[in-house]
Full PDB file with SEQRES, HELIX, SHEET, SSBOND, CRYST1, ORIGX, SCALE, CONECT and MASTER records, all heavy atoms in Angstrom:
SEQRES   1 A   31  ASP MET PRO GLU GLU MET ARG VAL GLU THR MET GLU LEU          
SEQRES   2 A   31  CYS VAL THR ALA CYS GLU LYS PHE ALA THR ASN ASN GLU          
SEQRES   3 A   31  SER ALA ALA LYS MET                                          
HELIX    1 AA1 GLU A    4  LYS A   20  1                                  17    
HELIX    2 AA2 ASN A   25  LYS A   30  1                                   6    
CRYST1    1.000    1.000    1.000  90.00  90.00  90.00 P 1           1          
ORIGX1      1.000000  0.000000  0.000000        0.00000                         
ORIGX2      0.000000  1.000000  0.000000        0.00000                         
ORIGX3      0.000000  0.000000  1.000000        0.00000                         
SCALE1      1.000000  0.000000  0.000000        0.00000                         
SCALE2      0.000000  1.000000  0.000000        0.00000                         
SCALE3      0.000000  0.000000  1.000000        0.00000                         
ATOM      1  N   ASP A   1     -13.690 -12.819   7.829  1.00  0.00           N  
ATOM      2  CA  ASP A   1     -12.461 -12.429   8.510  1.00  0.00           C  
ATOM      3  C   ASP A   1     -11.986 -11.076   7.962  1.00  0.00           C  
ATOM      4  O   ASP A   1     -10.868 -10.662   8.198  1.00  0.00           O  
ATOM      5  CB  ASP A   1     -11.374 -13.503   8.379  1.00  0.00           C  
ATOM      6  CG  ASP A   1     -10.878 -13.708   6.959  1.00  0.00           C  
ATOM      7  OD1 ASP A   1     -11.459 -13.137   6.025  1.00  0.00           O  
ATOM      8  OD2 ASP A   1      -9.901 -14.457   6.781  1.00  0.00           O  
ATOM      9  N   MET A   2     -12.868 -10.400   7.224  1.00  0.00           N  
ATOM     10  CA  MET A   2     -12.552  -9.100   6.642  1.00  0.00           C  
ATOM     11  C   MET A   2     -12.504  -8.013   7.709  1.00  0.00           C  
ATOM     12  O   MET A   2     -13.249  -8.079   8.685  1.00  0.00           O  
ATOM     13  CB  MET A   2     -13.619  -8.688   5.620  1.00  0.00           C  
ATOM     14  CG  MET A   2     -13.624  -9.461   4.353  1.00  0.00           C  
ATOM     15  SD  MET A   2     -14.928  -8.845   3.253  1.00  0.00           S  
ATOM     16  CE  MET A   2     -14.542  -9.737   1.780  1.00  0.00           C  
ATOM     17  N   PRO A   3     -11.677  -6.996   7.479  1.00  0.00           N  
ATOM     18  CA  PRO A   3     -11.729  -5.820   8.345  1.00  0.00           C  
ATOM     19  C   PRO A   3     -13.110  -5.165   8.241  1.00  0.00           C  
ATOM     20  O   PRO A   3     -13.788  -5.300   7.215  1.00  0.00           O  
ATOM     21  CB  PRO A   3     -10.652  -4.896   7.774  1.00  0.00           C  
ATOM     22  CG  PRO A   3      -9.795  -5.757   6.913  1.00  0.00           C  
ATOM     23  CD  PRO A   3     -10.641  -6.898   6.461  1.00  0.00           C  
ATOM     24  N   GLU A   4     -13.521  -4.474   9.274  1.00  0.00           N  
ATOM     25  CA  GLU A   4     -14.864  -3.906   9.367  1.00  0.00           C  
ATOM     26  C   GLU A   4     -15.252  -3.080   8.142  1.00  0.00           C  
ATOM     27  O   GLU A   4     -16.327  -3.275   7.570  1.00  0.00           O  
ATOM     28  CB  GLU A   4     -14.969  -3.040  10.628  1.00  0.00           C  
ATOM     29  CG  GLU A   4     -16.325  -2.410  10.836  1.00  0.00           C  
ATOM     30  CD  GLU A   4     -17.380  -3.393  11.325  1.00  0.00           C  
ATOM     31  OE1 GLU A   4     -17.031  -4.511  11.716  1.00  0.00           O  
ATOM     32  OE2 GLU A   4     -18.562  -3.030  11.292  1.00  0.00           O  
ATOM     33  N   GLU A   5     -14.404  -2.167   7.718  1.00  0.00           N  
ATOM     34  CA  GLU A   5     -14.737  -1.292   6.584  1.00  0.00           C  
ATOM     35  C   GLU A   5     -14.936  -2.095   5.299  1.00  0.00           C  
ATOM     36  O   GLU A   5     -15.891  -1.873   4.556  1.00  0.00           O  
ATOM     37  CB  GLU A   5     -13.639  -0.244   6.387  1.00  0.00           C  
ATOM     38  CG  GLU A   5     -13.971   0.788   5.337  1.00  0.00           C  
ATOM     39  CD  GLU A   5     -12.906   1.877   5.224  1.00  0.00           C  
ATOM     40  OE1 GLU A   5     -12.331   2.268   6.248  1.00  0.00           O  
ATOM     41  OE2 GLU A   5     -12.666   2.311   4.087  1.00  0.00           O  
ATOM     42  N   MET A   6     -14.057  -3.044   5.044  1.00  0.00           N  
ATOM     43  CA  MET A   6     -14.179  -3.884   3.848  1.00  0.00           C  
ATOM     44  C   MET A   6     -15.442  -4.747   3.929  1.00  0.00           C  
ATOM     45  O   MET A   6     -16.143  -4.919   2.935  1.00  0.00           O  
ATOM     46  CB  MET A   6     -12.952  -4.779   3.681  1.00  0.00           C  
ATOM     47  CG  MET A   6     -13.020  -5.692   2.467  1.00  0.00           C  
ATOM     48  SD  MET A   6     -11.670  -6.885   2.382  1.00  0.00           S  
ATOM     49  CE  MET A   6     -10.403  -5.883   1.640  1.00  0.00           C  
ATOM     50  N   ARG A   7     -15.727  -5.285   5.114  1.00  0.00           N  
ATOM     51  CA  ARG A   7     -16.915  -6.118   5.295  1.00  0.00           C  
ATOM     52  C   ARG A   7     -18.185  -5.349   4.992  1.00  0.00           C  
ATOM     53  O   ARG A   7     -19.057  -5.825   4.269  1.00  0.00           O  
ATOM     54  CB  ARG A   7     -16.986  -6.666   6.726  1.00  0.00           C  
ATOM     55  CG  ARG A   7     -18.215  -7.542   6.960  1.00  0.00           C  
ATOM     56  CD  ARG A   7     -18.345  -7.971   8.404  1.00  0.00           C  
ATOM     57  NE  ARG A   7     -18.538  -6.865   9.316  1.00  0.00           N  
ATOM     58  CZ  ARG A   7     -19.704  -6.246   9.531  1.00  0.00           C  
ATOM     59  NH1 ARG A   7     -20.782  -6.630   8.892  1.00  0.00           N  
ATOM     60  NH2 ARG A   7     -19.780  -5.262  10.388  1.00  0.00           N  
ATOM     61  N   VAL A   8     -18.279  -4.134   5.510  1.00  0.00           N  
ATOM     62  CA  VAL A   8     -19.471  -3.313   5.280  1.00  0.00           C  
ATOM     63  C   VAL A   8     -19.624  -3.016   3.794  1.00  0.00           C  
ATOM     64  O   VAL A   8     -20.713  -3.165   3.226  1.00  0.00           O  
ATOM     65  CB  VAL A   8     -19.413  -2.019   6.112  1.00  0.00           C  
ATOM     66  CG1 VAL A   8     -20.503  -1.049   5.698  1.00  0.00           C  
ATOM     67  CG2 VAL A   8     -19.516  -2.348   7.597  1.00  0.00           C  
ATOM     68  N   GLU A   9     -18.548  -2.600   3.142  1.00  0.00           N  
ATOM     69  CA  GLU A   9     -18.604  -2.304   1.698  1.00  0.00           C  
ATOM     70  C   GLU A   9     -18.987  -3.540   0.887  1.00  0.00           C  
ATOM     71  O   GLU A   9     -19.792  -3.457  -0.045  1.00  0.00           O  
ATOM     72  CB  GLU A   9     -17.255  -1.773   1.214  1.00  0.00           C  
ATOM     73  CG  GLU A   9     -16.955  -0.367   1.656  1.00  0.00           C  
ATOM     74  CD  GLU A   9     -15.633   0.132   1.090  1.00  0.00           C  
ATOM     75  OE1 GLU A   9     -15.398  -0.044  -0.123  1.00  0.00           O  
ATOM     76  OE2 GLU A   9     -14.850   0.701   1.867  1.00  0.00           O  
ATOM     77  N   THR A  10     -18.427  -4.682   1.241  1.00  0.00           N  
ATOM     78  CA  THR A  10     -18.707  -5.912   0.512  1.00  0.00           C  
ATOM     79  C   THR A  10     -20.153  -6.351   0.704  1.00  0.00           C  
ATOM     80  O   THR A  10     -20.826  -6.747  -0.257  1.00  0.00           O  
ATOM     81  CB  THR A  10     -17.737  -7.031   0.949  1.00  0.00           C  
ATOM     82  OG1 THR A  10     -16.394  -6.571   0.763  1.00  0.00           O  
ATOM     83  CG2 THR A  10     -17.963  -8.297   0.137  1.00  0.00           C  
ATOM     84  N   MET A  11     -20.648  -6.266   1.937  1.00  0.00           N  
ATOM     85  CA  MET A  11     -22.043  -6.637   2.193  1.00  0.00           C  
ATOM     86  C   MET A  11     -22.995  -5.715   1.430  1.00  0.00           C  
ATOM     87  O   MET A  11     -23.981  -6.176   0.850  1.00  0.00           O  
ATOM     88  CB  MET A  11     -22.335  -6.602   3.686  1.00  0.00           C  
ATOM     89  CG  MET A  11     -21.677  -7.747   4.438  1.00  0.00           C  
ATOM     90  SD  MET A  11     -21.979  -7.700   6.215  1.00  0.00           S  
ATOM     91  CE  MET A  11     -23.679  -8.260   6.263  1.00  0.00           C  
ATOM     92  N   GLU A  12     -22.713  -4.417   1.425  1.00  0.00           N  
ATOM     93  CA  GLU A  12     -23.561  -3.477   0.680  1.00  0.00           C  
ATOM     94  C   GLU A  12     -23.536  -3.798  -0.805  1.00  0.00           C  
ATOM     95  O   GLU A  12     -24.565  -3.758  -1.482  1.00  0.00           O  
ATOM     96  CB  GLU A  12     -23.113  -2.046   0.945  1.00  0.00           C  
ATOM     97  CG  GLU A  12     -23.443  -1.553   2.333  1.00  0.00           C  
ATOM     98  CD  GLU A  12     -22.877  -0.172   2.644  1.00  0.00           C  
ATOM     99  OE1 GLU A  12     -22.137   0.395   1.810  1.00  0.00           O  
ATOM    100  OE2 GLU A  12     -23.172   0.319   3.745  1.00  0.00           O  
ATOM    101  N   LEU A  13     -22.378  -4.117  -1.336  1.00  0.00           N  
ATOM    102  CA  LEU A  13     -22.249  -4.491  -2.742  1.00  0.00           C  
ATOM    103  C   LEU A  13     -23.043  -5.767  -3.039  1.00  0.00           C  
ATOM    104  O   LEU A  13     -23.750  -5.847  -4.052  1.00  0.00           O  
ATOM    105  CB  LEU A  13     -20.774  -4.686  -3.098  1.00  0.00           C  
ATOM    106  CG  LEU A  13     -20.465  -5.208  -4.492  1.00  0.00           C  
ATOM    107  CD1 LEU A  13     -20.994  -4.264  -5.563  1.00  0.00           C  
ATOM    108  CD2 LEU A  13     -18.970  -5.420  -4.638  1.00  0.00           C  
ATOM    109  N   CYS A  14     -22.954  -6.756  -2.165  1.00  0.00           N  
ATOM    110  CA  CYS A  14     -23.686  -8.018  -2.359  1.00  0.00           C  
ATOM    111  C   CYS A  14     -25.190  -7.785  -2.357  1.00  0.00           C  
ATOM    112  O   CYS A  14     -25.912  -8.338  -3.188  1.00  0.00           O  
ATOM    113  CB  CYS A  14     -23.301  -9.023  -1.283  1.00  0.00           C  
ATOM    114  SG  CYS A  14     -21.616  -9.640  -1.434  1.00  0.00           S  
ATOM    115  N   VAL A  15     -25.667  -6.951  -1.446  1.00  0.00           N  
ATOM    116  CA  VAL A  15     -27.102  -6.647  -1.387  1.00  0.00           C  
ATOM    117  C   VAL A  15     -27.538  -5.939  -2.663  1.00  0.00           C  
ATOM    118  O   VAL A  15     -28.553  -6.300  -3.268  1.00  0.00           O  
ATOM    119  CB  VAL A  15     -27.430  -5.787  -0.146  1.00  0.00           C  
ATOM    120  CG1 VAL A  15     -28.837  -5.233  -0.227  1.00  0.00           C  
ATOM    121  CG2 VAL A  15     -27.256  -6.607   1.116  1.00  0.00           C  
ATOM    122  N   THR A  16     -26.776  -4.951  -3.090  1.00  0.00           N  
ATOM    123  CA  THR A  16     -27.100  -4.213  -4.315  1.00  0.00           C  
ATOM    124  C   THR A  16     -27.172  -5.151  -5.515  1.00  0.00           C  
ATOM    125  O   THR A  16     -28.115  -5.103  -6.299  1.00  0.00           O  
ATOM    126  CB  THR A  16     -26.058  -3.110  -4.569  1.00  0.00           C  
ATOM    127  OG1 THR A  16     -26.052  -2.216  -3.455  1.00  0.00           O  
ATOM    128  CG2 THR A  16     -26.356  -2.339  -5.841  1.00  0.00           C  
ATOM    129  N   ALA A  17     -26.170  -6.007  -5.654  1.00  0.00           N  
ATOM    130  CA  ALA A  17     -26.121  -6.931  -6.795  1.00  0.00           C  
ATOM    131  C   ALA A  17     -27.272  -7.940  -6.747  1.00  0.00           C  
ATOM    132  O   ALA A  17     -27.904  -8.207  -7.770  1.00  0.00           O  
ATOM    133  CB  ALA A  17     -24.781  -7.654  -6.825  1.00  0.00           C  
ATOM    134  N   CYS A  18     -27.548  -8.482  -5.570  1.00  0.00           N  
ATOM    135  CA  CYS A  18     -28.623  -9.479  -5.449  1.00  0.00           C  
ATOM    136  C   CYS A  18     -29.995  -8.864  -5.676  1.00  0.00           C  
ATOM    137  O   CYS A  18     -30.895  -9.524  -6.202  1.00  0.00           O  
ATOM    138  CB  CYS A  18     -28.557 -10.165  -4.085  1.00  0.00           C  
ATOM    139  SG  CYS A  18     -27.153 -11.292  -3.929  1.00  0.00           S  
ATOM    140  N   GLU A  19     -30.158  -7.607  -5.305  1.00  0.00           N  
ATOM    141  CA  GLU A  19     -31.432  -6.926  -5.568  1.00  0.00           C  
ATOM    142  C   GLU A  19     -31.560  -6.564  -7.042  1.00  0.00           C  
ATOM    143  O   GLU A  19     -32.617  -6.720  -7.640  1.00  0.00           O  
ATOM    144  CB  GLU A  19     -31.561  -5.678  -4.690  1.00  0.00           C  
ATOM    145  CG  GLU A  19     -31.837  -6.000  -3.240  1.00  0.00           C  
ATOM    146  CD  GLU A  19     -31.893  -4.763  -2.353  1.00  0.00           C  
ATOM    147  OE1 GLU A  19     -31.397  -3.680  -2.764  1.00  0.00           O  
ATOM    148  OE2 GLU A  19     -32.417  -4.885  -1.235  1.00  0.00           O  
ATOM    149  N   LYS A  20     -30.474  -6.085  -7.634  1.00  0.00           N  
ATOM    150  CA  LYS A  20     -30.498  -5.682  -9.037  1.00  0.00           C  
ATOM    151  C   LYS A  20     -30.730  -6.872  -9.968  1.00  0.00           C  
ATOM    152  O   LYS A  20     -31.449  -6.771 -10.959  1.00  0.00           O  
ATOM    153  CB  LYS A  20     -29.186  -4.989  -9.405  1.00  0.00           C  
ATOM    154  CG  LYS A  20     -29.128  -4.479 -10.816  1.00  0.00           C  
ATOM    155  CD  LYS A  20     -27.869  -3.684 -11.086  1.00  0.00           C  
ATOM    156  CE  LYS A  20     -27.860  -3.152 -12.506  1.00  0.00           C  
ATOM    157  NZ  LYS A  20     -26.662  -2.332 -12.768  1.00  0.00           N  
ATOM    158  N   PHE A  21     -30.104  -7.997  -9.644  1.00  0.00           N  
ATOM    159  CA  PHE A  21     -30.210  -9.195 -10.477  1.00  0.00           C  
ATOM    160  C   PHE A  21     -30.902 -10.311  -9.692  1.00  0.00           C  
ATOM    161  O   PHE A  21     -30.366 -11.409  -9.540  1.00  0.00           O  
ATOM    162  CB  PHE A  21     -28.822  -9.647 -10.937  1.00  0.00           C  
ATOM    163  CG  PHE A  21     -28.099  -8.636 -11.767  1.00  0.00           C  
ATOM    164  CD1 PHE A  21     -27.060  -7.892 -11.233  1.00  0.00           C  
ATOM    165  CD2 PHE A  21     -28.462  -8.417 -13.084  1.00  0.00           C  
ATOM    166  CE1 PHE A  21     -26.380  -6.952 -11.996  1.00  0.00           C  
ATOM    167  CE2 PHE A  21     -27.789  -7.484 -13.865  1.00  0.00           C  
ATOM    168  CZ  PHE A  21     -26.750  -6.749 -13.319  1.00  0.00           C  
ATOM    169  N   ALA A  22     -32.094 -10.029  -9.213  1.00  0.00           N  
ATOM    170  CA  ALA A  22     -32.823 -10.960  -8.341  1.00  0.00           C  
ATOM    171  C   ALA A  22     -33.081 -12.312  -8.989  1.00  0.00           C  
ATOM    172  O   ALA A  22     -33.172 -13.322  -8.306  1.00  0.00           O  
ATOM    173  CB  ALA A  22     -34.139 -10.333  -7.899  1.00  0.00           C  
ATOM    174  N   THR A  23     -33.167 -12.351 -10.296  1.00  0.00           N  
ATOM    175  CA  THR A  23     -33.459 -13.613 -10.983  1.00  0.00           C  
ATOM    176  C   THR A  23     -32.259 -14.167 -11.746  1.00  0.00           C  
ATOM    177  O   THR A  23     -32.389 -15.135 -12.488  1.00  0.00           O  
ATOM    178  CB  THR A  23     -34.633 -13.438 -11.966  1.00  0.00           C  
ATOM    179  OG1 THR A  23     -34.283 -12.432 -12.929  1.00  0.00           O  
ATOM    180  CG2 THR A  23     -35.903 -13.030 -11.234  1.00  0.00           C  
ATOM    181  N   ASN A  24     -31.087 -13.549 -11.575  1.00  0.00           N  
ATOM    182  CA  ASN A  24     -29.911 -13.981 -12.322  1.00  0.00           C  
ATOM    183  C   ASN A  24     -28.675 -13.944 -11.417  1.00  0.00           C  
ATOM    184  O   ASN A  24     -27.966 -12.937 -11.361  1.00  0.00           O  
ATOM    185  CB  ASN A  24     -29.725 -13.078 -13.553  1.00  0.00           C  
ATOM    186  CG  ASN A  24     -28.674 -13.607 -14.495  1.00  0.00           C  
ATOM    187  OD1 ASN A  24     -27.780 -14.368 -14.106  1.00  0.00           O  
ATOM    188  ND2 ASN A  24     -28.753 -13.200 -15.751  1.00  0.00           N  
ATOM    189  N   ASN A  25     -28.416 -15.041 -10.727  1.00  0.00           N  
ATOM    190  CA  ASN A  25     -27.280 -15.112  -9.803  1.00  0.00           C  
ATOM    191  C   ASN A  25     -25.939 -14.943 -10.510  1.00  0.00           C  
ATOM    192  O   ASN A  25     -25.001 -14.396  -9.938  1.00  0.00           O  
ATOM    193  CB  ASN A  25     -27.292 -16.440  -9.040  1.00  0.00           C  
ATOM    194  CG  ASN A  25     -28.446 -16.548  -8.079  1.00  0.00           C  
ATOM    195  OD1 ASN A  25     -29.081 -15.548  -7.748  1.00  0.00           O  
ATOM    196  ND2 ASN A  25     -28.716 -17.747  -7.625  1.00  0.00           N  
ATOM    197  N   GLU A  26     -25.855 -15.401 -11.745  1.00  0.00           N  
ATOM    198  CA  GLU A  26     -24.600 -15.286 -12.490  1.00  0.00           C  
ATOM    199  C   GLU A  26     -24.240 -13.818 -12.726  1.00  0.00           C  
ATOM    200  O   GLU A  26     -23.088 -13.416 -12.546  1.00  0.00           O  
ATOM    201  CB  GLU A  26     -24.697 -16.031 -13.812  1.00  0.00           C  
ATOM    202  CG  GLU A  26     -23.386 -16.086 -14.569  1.00  0.00           C  
ATOM    203  CD  GLU A  26     -23.454 -16.928 -15.831  1.00  0.00           C  
ATOM    204  OE1 GLU A  26     -24.409 -17.709 -16.001  1.00  0.00           O  
ATOM    205  OE2 GLU A  26     -22.529 -16.790 -16.647  1.00  0.00           O  
ATOM    206  N   SER A  27     -25.216 -13.009 -13.108  1.00  0.00           N  
ATOM    207  CA  SER A  27     -24.974 -11.577 -13.326  1.00  0.00           C  
ATOM    208  C   SER A  27     -24.642 -10.867 -12.017  1.00  0.00           C  
ATOM    209  O   SER A  27     -23.783  -9.989 -11.983  1.00  0.00           O  
ATOM    210  CB  SER A  27     -26.195 -10.920 -13.968  1.00  0.00           C  
ATOM    211  OG  SER A  27     -26.388 -11.420 -15.268  1.00  0.00           O  
ATOM    212  N   ALA A  28     -25.307 -11.264 -10.933  1.00  0.00           N  
ATOM    213  CA  ALA A  28     -25.013 -10.675  -9.621  1.00  0.00           C  
ATOM    214  C   ALA A  28     -23.583 -10.998  -9.208  1.00  0.00           C  
ATOM    215  O   ALA A  28     -22.846 -10.126  -8.746  1.00  0.00           O  
ATOM    216  CB  ALA A  28     -26.004 -11.176  -8.581  1.00  0.00           C  
ATOM    217  N   ALA A  29     -23.170 -12.254  -9.382  1.00  0.00           N  
ATOM    218  CA  ALA A  29     -21.807 -12.667  -9.030  1.00  0.00           C  
ATOM    219  C   ALA A  29     -20.774 -11.923  -9.873  1.00  0.00           C  
ATOM    220  O   ALA A  29     -19.737 -11.495  -9.367  1.00  0.00           O  
ATOM    221  CB  ALA A  29     -21.652 -14.177  -9.212  1.00  0.00           C  
ATOM    222  N   LYS A  30     -21.074 -11.748 -11.162  1.00  0.00           N  
ATOM    223  CA  LYS A  30     -20.154 -11.026 -12.057  1.00  0.00           C  
ATOM    224  C   LYS A  30     -20.007  -9.576 -11.611  1.00  0.00           C  
ATOM    225  O   LYS A  30     -18.893  -9.039 -11.578  1.00  0.00           O  
ATOM    226  CB  LYS A  30     -20.670 -11.099 -13.491  1.00  0.00           C  
ATOM    227  CG  LYS A  30     -19.744 -10.470 -14.496  1.00  0.00           C  
ATOM    228  CD  LYS A  30     -20.255 -10.647 -15.919  1.00  0.00           C  
ATOM    229  CE  LYS A  30     -19.298 -10.003 -16.890  1.00  0.00           C  
ATOM    230  NZ  LYS A  30     -19.748 -10.125 -18.276  1.00  0.00           N  
ATOM    231  N   MET A  31     -21.118  -8.938 -11.234  1.00  0.00           N  
ATOM    232  CA  MET A  31     -21.072  -7.552 -10.768  1.00  0.00           C  
ATOM    233  C   MET A  31     -20.223  -7.430  -9.498  1.00  0.00           C  
ATOM    234  O   MET A  31     -19.386  -6.533  -9.384  1.00  0.00           O  
ATOM    235  CB  MET A  31     -22.484  -7.046 -10.499  1.00  0.00           C  
ATOM    236  CG  MET A  31     -22.534  -5.640  -9.946  1.00  0.00           C  
ATOM    237  SD  MET A  31     -24.244  -5.176  -9.571  1.00  0.00           S  
ATOM    238  CE  MET A  31     -23.963  -3.719  -8.575  1.00  0.00           C  
TER     239      MET A  31                                                      
MASTER        0    0    0    2    0    0    0    6  238    1    0    3          
END                                                                             
């Protein structure tokens, strides 16, 4: 239910974190 700009930024951040910490979900969530 996020505004478009916030949604795009959040999705990009989630992708970056999940790629950076591919084997550590806790570190990705913290980032």
